[in-house]
Amino acid sequence: MERIYTEEERYFKARKRVEKLKEFYGHLTSFILANTALLVINLMTTPENLWFIWPLLGWGIGIVMHGMKVFNYSPLFGKDWEERKIRAFMEAEENKTNFKK
């Protein structure tokens, strides 16, 4: 029951994926530049107190989540899980419809 995509649909999907990759790499670049600047500022002003780690960790969690979404990596809710849930919902809907007849 797999859908066959036209060339135009495949191009549109690929283009959206490239846009998402481009956004991720922009996000990653700003993460690296901003956190490098924060590290330098921290070491020049208060080297005894390493506060730059907190924004690095917070933003780092966001980068990891963004990367997982862009690269379709989900250890808990992967493609297999999605397919099983879709089938379960379809079967439940079909059973409900058959029951009403």
PDB file of N, CA and C in Angstrom:
ATOM      1  N   MET A   1       0.827  -1.181   0.000  1.00  0.00           N
ATOM      2  CA  MET A   1       0.000   0.000   0.000  1.00  0.00           C
ATOM      3  C   MET A   1       0.879   1.255   0.000  1.00  0.00           C
ATOM      4  N   GLU A   2       2.053   1.127  -0.614  1.00  0.00           N
ATOM      5  CA  GLU A   2       2.985   2.242  -0.663  1.00  0.00           C
ATOM      6  C   GLU A   2       2.617   3.175  -1.811  1.00  0.00           C
ATOM      7  N   ARG A   3       2.666   4.465  -1.539  1.00  0.00           N
ATOM      8  CA  ARG A   3       2.279   5.461  -2.530  1.00  0.00           C
ATOM      9  C   ARG A   3       3.429   5.694  -3.502  1.00  0.00           C
ATOM     10  N   ILE A   4       3.115   5.822  -4.771  1.00  0.00           N
ATOM     11  CA  ILE A   4       4.121   6.116  -5.786  1.00  0.00           C
ATOM     12  C   ILE A   4       4.086   7.620  -6.052  1.00  0.00           C
ATOM     13  N   TYR A   5       5.232   8.262  -5.860  1.00  0.00           N
ATOM     14  CA  TYR A   5       5.316   9.712  -6.020  1.00  0.00           C
ATOM     15  C   TYR A   5       5.706  10.084  -7.439  1.00  0.00           C
ATOM     16  N   THR A   6       5.159  11.209  -7.911  1.00  0.00           N
ATOM     17  CA  THR A   6       5.557  11.728  -9.215  1.00  0.00           C
ATOM     18  C   THR A   6       6.910  12.406  -9.069  1.00  0.00           C
ATOM     19  N   GLU A   7       7.518  12.682 -10.192  1.00  0.00           N
ATOM     20  CA  GLU A   7       8.833  13.354 -10.190  1.00  0.00           C
ATOM     21  C   GLU A   7       8.754  14.706  -9.491  1.00  0.00           C
ATOM     22  N   GLU A   8       7.673  15.429  -9.726  1.00  0.00           N
ATOM     23  CA  GLU A   8       7.498  16.754  -9.113  1.00  0.00           C
ATOM     24  C   GLU A   8       7.362  16.643  -7.583  1.00  0.00           C
ATOM     25  N   GLU A   9       6.615  15.644  -7.127  1.00  0.00           N
ATOM     26  CA  GLU A   9       6.453  15.447  -5.687  1.00  0.00           C
ATOM     27  C   GLU A   9       7.779  15.058  -5.029  1.00  0.00           C
ATOM     28  N   ARG A  10       8.540  14.205  -5.705  1.00  0.00           N
ATOM     29  CA  ARG A  10       9.845  13.807  -5.172  1.00  0.00           C
ATOM     30  C   ARG A  10      10.787  15.003  -5.103  1.00  0.00           C
ATOM     31  N   TYR A  11      10.761  15.847  -6.135  1.00  0.00           N
ATOM     32  CA  TYR A  11      11.600  17.045  -6.140  1.00  0.00           C
ATOM     33  C   TYR A  11      11.207  17.968  -4.989  1.00  0.00           C
ATOM     34  N   PHE A  12       9.905  18.163  -4.771  1.00  0.00           N
ATOM     35  CA  PHE A  12       9.423  19.036  -3.702  1.00  0.00           C
ATOM     36  C   PHE A  12       9.859  18.511  -2.339  1.00  0.00           C
ATOM     37  N   LYS A  13       9.734  17.185  -2.131  1.00  0.00           N
ATOM     38  CA  LYS A  13      10.154  16.577  -0.865  1.00  0.00           C
ATOM     39  C   LYS A  13      11.659  16.755  -0.647  1.00  0.00           C
ATOM     40  N   ALA A  14      12.440  16.518  -1.700  1.00  0.00           N
ATOM     41  CA  ALA A  14      13.894  16.651  -1.597  1.00  0.00           C
ATOM     42  C   ALA A  14      14.277  18.098  -1.312  1.00  0.00           C
ATOM     43  N   ARG A  15      13.588  19.022  -1.944  1.00  0.00           N
ATOM     44  CA  ARG A  15      13.888  20.434  -1.730  1.00  0.00           C
ATOM     45  C   ARG A  15      13.591  20.859  -0.285  1.00  0.00           C
ATOM     46  N   LYS A  16      12.466  20.385   0.262  1.00  0.00           N
ATOM     47  CA  LYS A  16      12.131  20.691   1.659  1.00  0.00           C
ATOM     48  C   LYS A  16      13.185  20.112   2.599  1.00  0.00           C
ATOM     49  N   ARG A  17      13.658  18.914   2.290  1.00  0.00           N
ATOM     50  CA  ARG A  17      14.685  18.284   3.130  1.00  0.00           C
ATOM     51  C   ARG A  17      15.984  19.079   3.095  1.00  0.00           C
ATOM     52  N   VAL A  18      16.363  19.559   1.918  1.00  0.00           N
ATOM     53  CA  VAL A  18      17.572  20.374   1.790  1.00  0.00           C
ATOM     54  C   VAL A  18      17.419  21.673   2.579  1.00  0.00           C
ATOM     55  N   GLU A  19      16.236  22.273   2.534  1.00  0.00           N
ATOM     56  CA  GLU A  19      15.994  23.498   3.310  1.00  0.00           C
ATOM     57  C   GLU A  19      16.149  23.241   4.805  1.00  0.00           C
ATOM     58  N   LYS A  20      15.638  22.115   5.267  1.00  0.00           N
ATOM     59  CA  LYS A  20      15.754  21.770   6.688  1.00  0.00           C
ATOM     60  C   LYS A  20      17.212  21.521   7.079  1.00  0.00           C
ATOM     61  N   LEU A  21      17.968  20.871   6.198  1.00  0.00           N
ATOM     62  CA  LEU A  21      19.396  20.664   6.446  1.00  0.00           C
ATOM     63  C   LEU A  21      20.136  22.002   6.514  1.00  0.00           C
ATOM     64  N   LYS A  22      19.806  22.889   5.595  1.00  0.00           N
ATOM     65  CA  LYS A  22      20.431  24.204   5.552  1.00  0.00           C
ATOM     66  C   LYS A  22      20.141  24.976   6.839  1.00  0.00           C
ATOM     67  N   GLU A  23      18.907  24.916   7.321  1.00  0.00           N
ATOM     68  CA  GLU A  23      18.548  25.569   8.581  1.00  0.00           C
ATOM     69  C   GLU A  23      19.333  24.976   9.745  1.00  0.00           C
ATOM     70  N   PHE A  24      19.477  23.647   9.752  1.00  0.00           N
ATOM     71  CA  PHE A  24      20.222  23.004  10.830  1.00  0.00           C
ATOM     72  C   PHE A  24      21.679  23.441  10.819  1.00  0.00           C
ATOM     73  N   TYR A  25      22.303  23.460   9.650  1.00  0.00           N
ATOM     74  CA  TYR A  25      23.710  23.858   9.580  1.00  0.00           C
ATOM     75  C   TYR A  25      23.894  25.322   9.966  1.00  0.00           C
ATOM     76  N   GLY A  26      22.920  26.168   9.643  1.00  0.00           N
ATOM     77  CA  GLY A  26      22.965  27.560  10.095  1.00  0.00           C
ATOM     78  C   GLY A  26      22.864  27.643  11.607  1.00  0.00           C
ATOM     79  N   HIS A  27      21.977  26.849  12.190  1.00  0.00           N
ATOM     80  CA  HIS A  27      21.804  26.783  13.636  1.00  0.00           C
ATOM     81  C   HIS A  27      23.099  26.298  14.295  1.00  0.00           C
ATOM     82  N   LEU A  28      23.703  25.259  13.730  1.00  0.00           N
ATOM     83  CA  LEU A  28      24.945  24.710  14.267  1.00  0.00           C
ATOM     84  C   LEU A  28      26.085  25.735  14.182  1.00  0.00           C
ATOM     85  N   THR A  29      26.162  26.459  13.081  1.00  0.00           N
ATOM     86  CA  THR A  29      27.200  27.482  12.918  1.00  0.00           C
ATOM     87  C   THR A  29      27.038  28.586  13.956  1.00  0.00           C
ATOM     88  N   SER A  30      25.831  29.073  14.149  1.00  0.00           N
ATOM     89  CA  SER A  30      25.631  30.129  15.145  1.00  0.00           C
ATOM     90  C   SER A  30      25.893  29.602  16.553  1.00  0.00           C
ATOM     91  N   PHE A  31      25.575  28.342  16.814  1.00  0.00           N
ATOM     92  CA  PHE A  31      25.879  27.718  18.111  1.00  0.00           C
ATOM     93  C   PHE A  31      27.384  27.743  18.369  1.00  0.00           C
ATOM     94  N   ILE A  32      28.156  27.320  17.381  1.00  0.00           N
ATOM     95  CA  ILE A  32      29.616  27.262  17.544  1.00  0.00           C
ATOM     96  C   ILE A  32      30.195  28.658  17.719  1.00  0.00           C
ATOM     97  N   LEU A  33      29.803  29.604  16.874  1.00  0.00           N
ATOM     98  CA  LEU A  33      30.347  30.964  16.949  1.00  0.00           C
ATOM     99  C   LEU A  33      29.968  31.660  18.258  1.00  0.00           C
ATOM    100  N   ALA A  34      28.703  31.587  18.626  1.00  0.00           N
ATOM    101  CA  ALA A  34      28.241  32.264  19.844  1.00  0.00           C
ATOM    102  C   ALA A  34      28.883  31.664  21.094  1.00  0.00           C
ATOM    103  N   ASN A  35      28.972  30.342  21.141  1.00  0.00           N
ATOM    104  CA  ASN A  35      29.546  29.725  22.330  1.00  0.00           C
ATOM    105  C   ASN A  35      31.056  29.906  22.401  1.00  0.00           C
ATOM    106  N   THR A  36      31.710  30.017  21.270  1.00  0.00           N
ATOM    107  CA  THR A  36      33.135  30.349  21.271  1.00  0.00           C
ATOM    108  C   THR A  36      33.323  31.763  21.818  1.00  0.00           C
ATOM    109  N   ALA A  37      32.481  32.699  21.377  1.00  0.00           N
ATOM    110  CA  ALA A  37      32.556  34.075  21.884  1.00  0.00           C
ATOM    111  C   ALA A  37      32.279  34.111  23.387  1.00  0.00           C
ATOM    112  N   LEU A  38      31.288  33.362  23.849  1.00  0.00           N
ATOM    113  CA  LEU A  38      30.993  33.314  25.283  1.00  0.00           C
ATOM    114  C   LEU A  38      32.161  32.736  26.078  1.00  0.00           C
ATOM    115  N   LEU A  39      32.819  31.737  25.527  1.00  0.00           N
ATOM    116  CA  LEU A  39      33.987  31.151  26.190  1.00  0.00           C
ATOM    117  C   LEU A  39      35.094  32.186  26.329  1.00  0.00           C
ATOM    118  N   VAL A  40      35.366  32.905  25.252  1.00  0.00           N
ATOM    119  CA  VAL A  40      36.416  33.927  25.280  1.00  0.00           C
ATOM    120  C   VAL A  40      36.060  35.020  26.284  1.00  0.00           C
ATOM    121  N   ILE A  41      34.817  35.500  26.246  1.00  0.00           N
ATOM    122  CA  ILE A  41      34.390  36.537  27.194  1.00  0.00           C
ATOM    123  C   ILE A  41      34.506  36.038  28.627  1.00  0.00           C
ATOM    124  N   ASN A  42      34.072  34.810  28.861  1.00  0.00           N
ATOM    125  CA  ASN A  42      34.147  34.234  30.201  1.00  0.00           C
ATOM    126  C   ASN A  42      35.597  34.154  30.684  1.00  0.00           C
ATOM    127  N   LEU A  43      36.485  33.654  29.850  1.00  0.00           N
ATOM    128  CA  LEU A  43      37.886  33.494  30.263  1.00  0.00           C
ATOM    129  C   LEU A  43      38.608  34.832  30.431  1.00  0.00           C
ATOM    130  N   MET A  44      38.170  35.858  29.698  1.00  0.00           N
ATOM    131  CA  MET A  44      38.804  37.180  29.823  1.00  0.00           C
ATOM    132  C   MET A  44      38.283  37.952  31.032  1.00  0.00           C
ATOM    133  N   THR A  45      37.045  37.725  31.411  1.00  0.00           N
ATOM    134  CA  THR A  45      36.460  38.523  32.498  1.00  0.00           C
ATOM    135  C   THR A  45      36.475  37.808  33.844  1.00  0.00           C
ATOM    136  N   THR A  46      35.995  36.600  33.886  1.00  0.00           N
ATOM    137  CA  THR A  46      35.938  35.862  35.164  1.00  0.00           C
ATOM    138  C   THR A  46      36.395  34.420  34.959  1.00  0.00           C
ATOM    139  N   PRO A  47      37.703  34.211  34.792  1.00  0.00           N
ATOM    140  CA  PRO A  47      38.180  32.847  34.531  1.00  0.00           C
ATOM    141  C   PRO A  47      37.972  31.887  35.711  1.00  0.00           C
ATOM    142  N   GLU A  48      37.802  32.440  36.909  1.00  0.00           N
ATOM    143  CA  GLU A  48      37.589  31.571  38.077  1.00  0.00           C
ATOM    144  C   GLU A  48      36.166  31.009  38.132  1.00  0.00           C
ATOM    145  N   ASN A  49      35.249  31.603  37.382  1.00  0.00           N
ATOM    146  CA  ASN A  49      33.856  31.162  37.362  1.00  0.00           C
ATOM    147  C   ASN A  49      33.474  30.811  35.921  1.00  0.00           C
ATOM    148  N   LEU A  50      33.381  29.532  35.616  1.00  0.00           N
ATOM    149  CA  LEU A  50      33.114  29.094  34.242  1.00  0.00           C
ATOM    150  C   LEU A  50      31.603  29.011  33.969  1.00  0.00           C
ATOM    151  N   TRP A  51      30.992  30.166  33.772  1.00  0.00           N
ATOM    152  CA  TRP A  51      29.552  30.246  33.521  1.00  0.00           C
ATOM    153  C   TRP A  51      29.166  29.930  32.090  1.00  0.00           C
ATOM    154  N   PHE A  52      30.130  29.965  31.150  1.00  0.00           N
ATOM    155  CA  PHE A  52      29.797  29.734  29.735  1.00  0.00           C
ATOM    156  C   PHE A  52      29.220  28.333  29.506  1.00  0.00           C
ATOM    157  N   ILE A  53      29.480  27.426  30.449  1.00  0.00           N
ATOM    158  CA  ILE A  53      29.000  26.055  30.305  1.00  0.00           C
ATOM    159  C   ILE A  53      27.471  25.990  30.294  1.00  0.00           C
ATOM    160  N   TRP A  54      26.795  26.846  31.053  1.00  0.00           N
ATOM    161  CA  TRP A  54      25.333  26.771  31.146  1.00  0.00           C
ATOM    162  C   TRP A  54      24.632  27.105  29.830  1.00  0.00           C
ATOM    163  N   PRO A  55      24.980  28.200  29.157  1.00  0.00           N
ATOM    164  CA  PRO A  55      24.342  28.409  27.846  1.00  0.00           C
ATOM    165  C   PRO A  55      24.773  27.341  26.829  1.00  0.00           C
ATOM    166  N   LEU A  56      26.008  26.862  26.961  1.00  0.00           N
ATOM    167  CA  LEU A  56      26.489  25.809  26.067  1.00  0.00           C
ATOM    168  C   LEU A  56      25.638  24.549  26.212  1.00  0.00           C
ATOM    169  N   LEU A  57      25.355  24.160  27.440  1.00  0.00           N
ATOM    170  CA  LEU A  57      24.540  22.966  27.683  1.00  0.00           C
ATOM    171  C   LEU A  57      23.093  23.160  27.229  1.00  0.00           C
ATOM    172  N   GLY A  58      22.508  24.295  27.584  1.00  0.00           N
ATOM    173  CA  GLY A  58      21.117  24.549  27.204  1.00  0.00           C
ATOM    174  C   GLY A  58      20.932  24.577  25.697  1.00  0.00           C
ATOM    175  N   TRP A  59      21.765  25.344  25.030  1.00  0.00           N
ATOM    176  CA  TRP A  59      21.674  25.453  23.580  1.00  0.00           C
ATOM    177  C   TRP A  59      22.082  24.136  22.932  1.00  0.00           C
ATOM    178  N   GLY A  60      23.029  23.431  23.547  1.00  0.00           N
ATOM    179  CA  GLY A  60      23.472  22.136  23.026  1.00  0.00           C
ATOM    180  C   GLY A  60      22.342  21.125  22.983  1.00  0.00           C
ATOM    181  N   ILE A  61      21.499  21.127  24.012  1.00  0.00           N
ATOM    182  CA  ILE A  61      20.341  20.227  24.018  1.00  0.00           C
ATOM    183  C   ILE A  61      19.425  20.561  22.842  1.00  0.00           C
ATOM    184  N   GLY A  62      19.237  21.860  22.600  1.00  0.00           N
ATOM    185  CA  GLY A  62      18.419  22.278  21.454  1.00  0.00           C
ATOM    186  C   GLY A  62      19.014  21.839  20.126  1.00  0.00           C
ATOM    187  N   ILE A  63      20.326  21.939  19.990  1.00  0.00           N
ATOM    188  CA  ILE A  63      21.014  21.516  18.760  1.00  0.00           C
ATOM    189  C   ILE A  63      20.835  20.009  18.543  1.00  0.00           C
ATOM    190  N   VAL A  64      20.998  19.248  19.604  1.00  0.00           N
ATOM    191  CA  VAL A  64      20.844  17.789  19.492  1.00  0.00           C
ATOM    192  C   VAL A  64      19.423  17.439  19.058  1.00  0.00           C
ATOM    193  N   MET A  65      18.439  18.073  19.679  1.00  0.00           N
ATOM    194  CA  MET A  65      17.041  17.801  19.318  1.00  0.00           C
ATOM    195  C   MET A  65      16.762  18.196  17.863  1.00  0.00           C
ATOM    196  N   HIS A  66      17.277  19.341  17.456  1.00  0.00           N
ATOM    197  CA  HIS A  66      17.101  19.798  16.077  1.00  0.00           C
ATOM    198  C   HIS A  66      17.739  18.798  15.112  1.00  0.00           C
ATOM    199  N   GLY A  67      18.955  18.352  15.434  1.00  0.00           N
ATOM    200  CA  GLY A  67      19.648  17.381  14.588  1.00  0.00           C
ATOM    201  C   GLY A  67      18.898  16.059  14.492  1.00  0.00           C
ATOM    202  N   MET A  68      18.348  15.608  15.613  1.00  0.00           N
ATOM    203  CA  MET A  68      17.592  14.357  15.601  1.00  0.00           C
ATOM    204  C   MET A  68      16.374  14.468  14.694  1.00  0.00           C
ATOM    205  N   LYS A  69      15.743  15.625  14.714  1.00  0.00           N
ATOM    206  CA  LYS A  69      14.561  15.827  13.872  1.00  0.00           C
ATOM    207  C   LYS A  69      14.955  15.879  12.390  1.00  0.00           C
ATOM    208  N   VAL A  70      16.006  16.629  12.092  1.00  0.00           N
ATOM    209  CA  VAL A  70      16.426  16.795  10.697  1.00  0.00           C
ATOM    210  C   VAL A  70      16.909  15.480  10.096  1.00  0.00           C
ATOM    211  N   PHE A  71      17.656  14.698  10.876  1.00  0.00           N
ATOM    212  CA  PHE A  71      18.219  13.451  10.360  1.00  0.00           C
ATOM    213  C   PHE A  71      17.330  12.243  10.637  1.00  0.00           C
ATOM    214  N   ASN A  72      16.080  12.497  11.032  1.00  0.00           N
ATOM    215  CA  ASN A  72      15.084  11.447  11.268  1.00  0.00           C
ATOM    216  C   ASN A  72      15.590  10.351  12.203  1.00  0.00           C
ATOM    217  N   TYR A  73      16.195  10.768  13.293  1.00  0.00           N
ATOM    218  CA  TYR A  73      16.669   9.815  14.288  1.00  0.00           C
ATOM    219  C   TYR A  73      15.811   9.949  15.536  1.00  0.00           C
ATOM    220  N   SER A  74      15.119   8.901  15.846  1.00  0.00           N
ATOM    221  CA  SER A  74      14.292   8.901  17.038  1.00  0.00           C
ATOM    222  C   SER A  74      14.378   7.526  17.677  1.00  0.00           C
ATOM    223  N   PRO A  75      15.186   7.389  18.733  1.00  0.00           N
ATOM    224  CA  PRO A  75      15.338   6.067  19.340  1.00  0.00           C
ATOM    225  C   PRO A  75      14.040   5.542  19.960  1.00  0.00           C
ATOM    226  N   LEU A  76      13.168   6.429  20.402  1.00  0.00           N
ATOM    227  CA  LEU A  76      11.926   5.985  21.032  1.00  0.00           C
ATOM    228  C   LEU A  76      10.781   5.843  20.035  1.00  0.00           C
ATOM    229  N   PHE A  77      10.648   6.804  19.145  1.00  0.00           N
ATOM    230  CA  PHE A  77       9.523   6.824  18.213  1.00  0.00           C
ATOM    231  C   PHE A  77      10.033   6.798  16.778  1.00  0.00           C
ATOM    232  N   GLY A  78      10.622   5.692  16.369  1.00  0.00           N
ATOM    233  CA  GLY A  78      11.177   5.553  15.030  1.00  0.00           C
ATOM    234  C   GLY A  78      10.127   5.199  14.000  1.00  0.00           C
ATOM    235  N   LYS A  79      10.588   4.912  12.794  1.00  0.00           N
ATOM    236  CA  LYS A  79       9.693   4.587  11.682  1.00  0.00           C
ATOM    237  C   LYS A  79       8.866   3.340  11.976  1.00  0.00           C
ATOM    238  N   ASP A  80       9.482   2.322  12.587  1.00  0.00           N
ATOM    239  CA  ASP A  80       8.741   1.097  12.897  1.00  0.00           C
ATOM    240  C   ASP A  80       7.579   1.391  13.837  1.00  0.00           C
ATOM    241  N   TRP A  81       7.841   2.208  14.839  1.00  0.00           N
ATOM    242  CA  TRP A  81       6.800   2.576  15.790  1.00  0.00           C
ATOM    243  C   TRP A  81       5.668   3.299  15.079  1.00  0.00           C
ATOM    244  N   GLU A  82       6.024   4.239  14.191  1.00  0.00           N
ATOM    245  CA  GLU A  82       5.015   4.994  13.448  1.00  0.00           C
ATOM    246  C   GLU A  82       4.140   4.045  12.620  1.00  0.00           C
ATOM    247  N   GLU A  83       4.778   3.129  11.916  1.00  0.00           N
ATOM    248  CA  GLU A  83       4.028   2.194  11.073  1.00  0.00           C
ATOM    249  C   GLU A  83       3.085   1.331  11.907  1.00  0.00           C
ATOM    250  N   ARG A  84       3.566   0.826  13.046  1.00  0.00           N
ATOM    251  CA  ARG A  84       2.720   0.009  13.911  1.00  0.00           C
ATOM    252  C   ARG A  84       1.516   0.810  14.411  1.00  0.00           C
ATOM    253  N   LYS A  85       1.745   2.064  14.805  1.00  0.00           N
ATOM    254  CA  LYS A  85       0.652   2.895  15.302  1.00  0.00           C
ATOM    255  C   LYS A  85      -0.352   3.207  14.198  1.00  0.00           C
ATOM    256  N   ILE A  86       0.142   3.503  13.012  1.00  0.00           N
ATOM    257  CA  ILE A  86      -0.754   3.795  11.886  1.00  0.00           C
ATOM    258  C   ILE A  86      -1.640   2.591  11.605  1.00  0.00           C
ATOM    259  N   ARG A  87      -1.030   1.396  11.546  1.00  0.00           N
ATOM    260  CA  ARG A  87      -1.808   0.181  11.299  1.00  0.00           C
ATOM    261  C   ARG A  87      -2.831  -0.055  12.410  1.00  0.00           C
ATOM    262  N   ALA A  88      -2.408   0.164  13.654  1.00  0.00           N
ATOM    263  CA  ALA A  88      -3.319  -0.043  14.786  1.00  0.00           C
ATOM    264  C   ALA A  88      -4.514   0.907  14.703  1.00  0.00           C
ATOM    265  N   PHE A  89      -4.264   2.175  14.381  1.00  0.00           N
ATOM    266  CA  PHE A  89      -5.357   3.143  14.267  1.00  0.00           C
ATOM    267  C   PHE A  89      -6.272   2.802  13.096  1.00  0.00           C
ATOM    268  N   MET A  90      -5.683   2.362  11.986  1.00  0.00           N
ATOM    269  CA  MET A  90      -6.495   1.991  10.827  1.00  0.00           C
ATOM    270  C   MET A  90      -7.371   0.782  11.149  1.00  0.00           C
ATOM    271  N   GLU A  91      -6.789  -0.209  11.833  1.00  0.00           N
ATOM    272  CA  GLU A  91      -7.562  -1.395  12.204  1.00  0.00           C
ATOM    273  C   GLU A  91      -8.677  -1.038  13.190  1.00  0.00           C
ATOM    274  N   ALA A  92      -8.371  -0.173  14.150  1.00  0.00           N
ATOM    275  CA  ALA A  92      -9.388   0.244  15.121  1.00  0.00           C
ATOM    276  C   ALA A  92     -10.530   0.965  14.422  1.00  0.00           C
ATOM    277  N   GLU A  93     -10.198   1.818  13.478  1.00  0.00           N
ATOM    278  CA  GLU A  93     -11.223   2.552  12.730  1.00  0.00           C
ATOM    279  C   GLU A  93     -12.068   1.597  11.891  1.00  0.00           C
ATOM    280  N   GLU A  94     -11.396   0.612  11.271  1.00  0.00           N
ATOM    281  CA  GLU A  94     -12.117  -0.361  10.456  1.00  0.00           C
ATOM    282  C   GLU A  94     -13.028  -1.222  11.323  1.00  0.00           C
ATOM    283  N   ASN A  95     -12.546  -1.628  12.494  1.00  0.00           N
ATOM    284  CA  ASN A  95     -13.369  -2.424  13.405  1.00  0.00           C
ATOM    285  C   ASN A  95     -14.584  -1.630  13.878  1.00  0.00           C
ATOM    286  N   LYS A  96     -14.369  -0.341  14.138  1.00  0.00           N
ATOM    287  CA  LYS A  96     -15.467   0.513  14.575  1.00  0.00           C
ATOM    288  C   LYS A  96     -16.522   0.618  13.459  1.00  0.00           C
ATOM    289  N   THR A  97     -16.055   0.762  12.217  1.00  0.00           N
ATOM    290  CA  THR A  97     -16.965   0.883  11.076  1.00  0.00           C
ATOM    291  C   THR A  97     -17.714  -0.428  10.856  1.00  0.00           C
ATOM    292  N   ASN A  98     -17.014  -1.565  10.950  1.00  0.00           N
ATOM    293  CA  ASN A  98     -17.648  -2.870  10.775  1.00  0.00           C
ATOM    294  C   ASN A  98     -18.651  -3.161  11.881  1.00  0.00           C
ATOM    295  N   PHE A  99     -18.381  -2.698  13.073  1.00  0.00           N
ATOM    296  CA  PHE A  99     -19.268  -2.914  14.191  1.00  0.00           C
ATOM    297  C   PHE A  99     -20.601  -2.185  14.011  1.00  0.00           C
ATOM    298  N   LYS A 100     -20.550  -0.990  13.396  1.00  0.00           N
ATOM    299  CA  LYS A 100     -21.756  -0.186  13.209  1.00  0.00           C
ATOM    300  C   LYS A 100     -22.658  -0.764  12.134  1.00  0.00           C
ATOM    301  N   LYS A 101     -22.106  -1.561  11.217  1.00  0.00           N
ATOM    302  CA  LYS A 101     -22.909  -2.077  10.072  1.00  0.00           C
ATOM    303  C   LYS A 101     -23.888  -3.103  10.484  1.00  0.00           C
TER     304      LYS A 101
END
